Amino acid sequence: MDTQKLIIDKIAAVLDSTDKNQSSELKKLIDQAGHIFIAGAGRSKLVSSFLAMRLVHCGYSVSMVGEIVTPALKDGDLYIVISGSGGTKTLLPTLETAKSKGAKIAVVSMKATSAMADLADLTLKMGNDEVFALTKGLPMGTSFELSTLVYLEAIIGEIVFDKNLTEDGMRSIHANLE
């Protein structure tokens, strides 16, 4: 079994079945936000960290939810949550708080309807039920997480083109206390 091909084909199938128009809606929310808060749990948190870092490189003001130095969320901010199920119990109360404070909420999920989608201003539904069928060799959410990572990196690529960002300019913002 060529598992690399299996993974690449699965990511391609998910991306092919994902509405491409969603990216412009998310970019609009990102550009309108005073501050951007990002969260996920488990491996989705790892994907959310990728997005947070890249948005910082693009010049946005970004914080990861749950970090000790995360500031208060306010009206006009954006809260992006990555959750395959759209119902991660540890994150639901944070969406309720964000909503009560006047923030916009974007949820990236496998589910168009969920507890999180009910609170969201934008739900970016990745793929369809068919492409997320269990696949041996891609256990426990791998298809969602890898596809979401690629999808969000493509949005970063669009932002780079839209804002005419340069590698040198982005690198000047990159962490230097590593």
Protein backbone atom coordinates (compact mmCIF):
# COMPACT_ATOMS: atom_id res chain seq x y z
CA MET A 1 0.00 0.00 0.00
CA ASP A 2 1.35 3.41 -0.99
CA THR A 3 0.20 5.36 2.07
CA GLN A 4 1.67 8.66 0.83
CA LYS A 5 -0.54 8.44 -2.25
CA LEU A 6 -3.49 7.45 -0.05
CA ILE A 7 -2.99 10.58 2.08
CA ILE A 8 -2.48 12.93 -0.88
CA ASP A 9 -5.50 11.51 -2.71
CA LYS A 10 -7.67 11.89 0.39
CA ILE A 11 -6.59 15.51 0.94
CA ALA A 12 -7.29 16.24 -2.74
CA ALA A 13 -10.75 14.65 -2.48
CA VAL A 14 -11.62 16.71 0.59
CA LEU A 15 -10.38 19.95 -0.96
CA ASP A 16 -12.18 19.21 -4.25
CA SER A 17 -15.45 18.80 -2.34
CA THR A 18 -14.99 21.97 -0.24
CA ASP A 19 -16.70 25.18 -1.34
CA LYS A 20 -13.93 27.48 -2.62
CA ASN A 21 -16.05 30.61 -2.04
CA GLN A 22 -15.74 30.22 1.72
CA SER A 23 -12.17 31.53 1.69
CA SER A 24 -13.20 35.04 0.62
CA GLU A 25 -15.76 35.16 3.46
CA LEU A 26 -13.11 34.17 6.01
CA LYS A 27 -10.59 36.65 4.59
CA LYS A 28 -13.17 39.44 4.92
CA LEU A 29 -13.74 38.57 8.59
CA ILE A 30 -9.98 38.45 9.18
CA ASP A 31 -9.45 41.86 7.59
CA GLN A 32 -12.32 43.44 9.55
CA ALA A 33 -11.21 42.04 12.93
CA GLY A 34 -9.69 44.21 15.63
CA HIS A 35 -7.91 41.16 17.07
CA ILE A 36 -8.06 37.50 16.06
CA PHE A 37 -8.42 34.68 18.57
CA ILE A 38 -7.86 31.10 17.45
CA ALA A 39 -8.60 27.79 19.14
CA GLY A 40 -8.84 24.06 18.61
CA ALA A 41 -8.49 20.96 20.75
CA GLY A 42 -6.24 17.96 20.26
CA ARG A 43 -4.76 17.75 16.79
CA SER A 44 -7.10 20.50 15.60
CA LYS A 45 -5.27 22.74 18.08
CA LEU A 46 -2.05 21.98 16.21
CA VAL A 47 -3.71 23.06 12.96
CA SER A 48 -5.02 26.19 14.68
CA SER A 49 -1.46 27.01 15.81
CA PHE A 50 -0.28 26.85 12.20
CA LEU A 51 -3.00 29.32 11.21
CA ALA A 52 -2.24 31.66 14.11
CA MET A 53 1.46 31.75 13.28
CA ARG A 54 0.86 32.43 9.60
CA LEU A 55 -1.63 35.21 10.33
CA VAL A 56 0.98 36.85 12.58
CA HIS A 57 3.48 36.58 9.72
CA CYS A 58 0.89 38.37 7.55
CA GLY A 59 0.79 41.26 10.03
CA TYR A 60 -2.42 40.50 11.94
CA SER A 61 -2.86 40.79 15.70
CA VAL A 62 -3.47 37.19 16.85
CA SER A 63 -3.74 35.22 20.09
CA MET A 64 -4.22 31.54 20.87
CA VAL A 65 -7.10 30.94 23.27
CA GLY A 66 -5.99 29.40 26.55
CA GLU A 67 -2.50 30.89 26.65
CA ILE A 68 -1.71 32.82 29.82
CA VAL A 69 -0.95 36.03 27.88
CA THR A 70 -4.14 35.99 25.79
CA PRO A 71 -5.93 39.35 26.15
CA ALA A 72 -9.65 39.88 26.67
CA LEU A 73 -11.83 39.39 23.62
CA LYS A 74 -13.91 42.46 22.67
CA ASP A 75 -16.61 43.60 20.32
CA GLY A 76 -15.19 43.70 16.79
CA ASP A 77 -12.75 40.82 17.32
CA LEU A 78 -12.81 37.50 15.45
CA TYR A 79 -12.78 34.06 17.02
CA ILE A 80 -11.76 31.20 14.70
CA VAL A 81 -12.34 27.69 16.03
CA ILE A 82 -11.23 24.48 14.33
CA SER A 83 -13.31 21.46 15.34
CA GLY A 84 -13.99 18.45 13.16
CA SER A 85 -17.14 17.58 15.10
CA GLY A 86 -18.27 21.15 15.65
CA GLY A 87 -19.14 20.18 19.19
CA THR A 88 -15.92 20.03 21.20
CA LYS A 89 -17.27 20.33 24.74
CA THR A 90 -14.26 22.18 26.15
CA LEU A 91 -14.54 24.89 23.48
CA LEU A 92 -18.32 25.45 23.37
CA PRO A 93 -18.36 27.78 26.42
CA THR A 94 -15.66 29.92 24.80
CA LEU A 95 -17.85 30.42 21.73
CA GLU A 96 -20.75 31.44 23.96
CA THR A 97 -18.51 33.99 25.69
CA ALA A 98 -17.21 35.33 22.37
CA LYS A 99 -20.77 35.70 21.08
CA SER A 100 -21.84 37.55 24.25
CA LYS A 101 -18.91 39.97 23.88
CA GLY A 102 -19.83 40.87 20.29
CA ALA A 103 -17.07 39.02 18.46
CA LYS A 104 -17.56 37.43 15.06
CA ILE A 105 -17.15 33.64 15.10
CA ALA A 106 -15.84 31.42 12.31
CA VAL A 107 -15.93 27.65 12.74
CA VAL A 108 -13.98 25.27 10.51
CA SER A 109 -15.59 21.83 10.71
CA MET A 110 -16.69 18.66 8.94
CA LYS A 111 -20.26 19.51 9.96
CA ALA A 112 -22.44 22.22 8.42
CA THR A 113 -24.79 22.01 11.39
CA SER A 114 -23.54 21.64 14.94
CA ALA A 115 -23.60 23.32 18.34
CA MET A 116 -20.68 25.50 17.22
CA ALA A 117 -22.24 26.27 13.82
CA ASP A 118 -25.34 27.50 15.66
CA LEU A 119 -23.18 30.20 17.29
CA ALA A 120 -21.03 30.99 14.25
CA ASP A 121 -21.26 33.89 11.84
CA LEU A 122 -19.45 31.71 9.31
CA THR A 123 -19.14 27.93 9.20
CA LEU A 124 -16.49 26.69 6.80
CA LYS A 125 -17.55 23.14 6.05
CA MET A 126 -14.68 21.02 4.91
CA GLY A 127 -15.52 18.32 2.36
CA ASN A 128 -18.64 16.20 2.52
CA ASP A 129 -19.75 13.13 4.43
CA GLU A 130 -18.61 10.81 1.64
CA VAL A 131 -14.97 11.97 1.65
CA PHE A 132 -14.80 11.67 5.42
CA ALA A 133 -15.84 8.03 5.46
CA LEU A 134 -13.49 5.92 7.56
CA THR A 135 -10.33 5.11 5.64
CA LYS A 136 -7.87 2.51 6.86
CA GLY A 137 -4.47 4.16 7.23
CA LEU A 138 -5.97 7.58 8.02
CA PRO A 139 -7.16 7.13 11.60
CA MET A 140 -9.20 9.31 13.91
CA GLY A 141 -9.59 12.61 12.10
CA THR A 142 -6.42 12.60 10.02
CA SER A 143 -8.32 13.44 6.82
CA PHE A 144 -9.96 16.47 8.43
CA GLU A 145 -6.84 17.82 10.10
CA LEU A 146 -4.51 17.49 7.11
CA SER A 147 -7.10 18.83 4.66
CA THR A 148 -7.88 21.75 6.96
CA LEU A 149 -4.19 22.55 7.31
CA VAL A 150 -3.78 22.66 3.52
CA TYR A 151 -7.02 24.63 3.04
CA LEU A 152 -6.01 27.27 5.60
CA GLU A 153 -2.46 27.48 4.19
CA ALA A 154 -4.04 28.18 0.79
CA ILE A 155 -6.01 31.05 2.37
CA ILE A 156 -2.73 32.39 3.77
CA GLY A 157 -1.33 32.15 0.24
CA GLU A 158 -4.27 34.21 -1.02
CA ILE A 159 -3.63 36.81 1.69
CA VAL A 160 0.04 36.96 0.67
CA PHE A 161 -1.02 37.72 -2.92
CA ASP A 162 -3.87 40.08 -1.91
CA LYS A 163 -1.60 42.15 0.35
CA ASN A 164 1.47 41.76 -1.89
CA LEU A 165 3.50 40.48 1.07
CA THR A 166 7.12 39.54 0.57
CA GLU A 167 9.13 36.69 2.04
CA ASP A 168 11.55 39.20 3.60
CA GLY A 169 8.70 41.20 5.12
CA MET A 170 7.08 38.11 6.58
CA ARG A 171 10.41 36.81 7.85
CA SER A 172 11.01 40.10 9.67
CA ILE A 173 7.92 39.36 11.77
CA HIS A 174 8.84 35.71 12.38
CA ALA A 175 9.81 34.77 15.94
CA ASN A 176 13.47 35.41 16.68
CA LEU A 177 13.61 33.99 20.23
CA GLU A 178 13.53 30.35 19.13
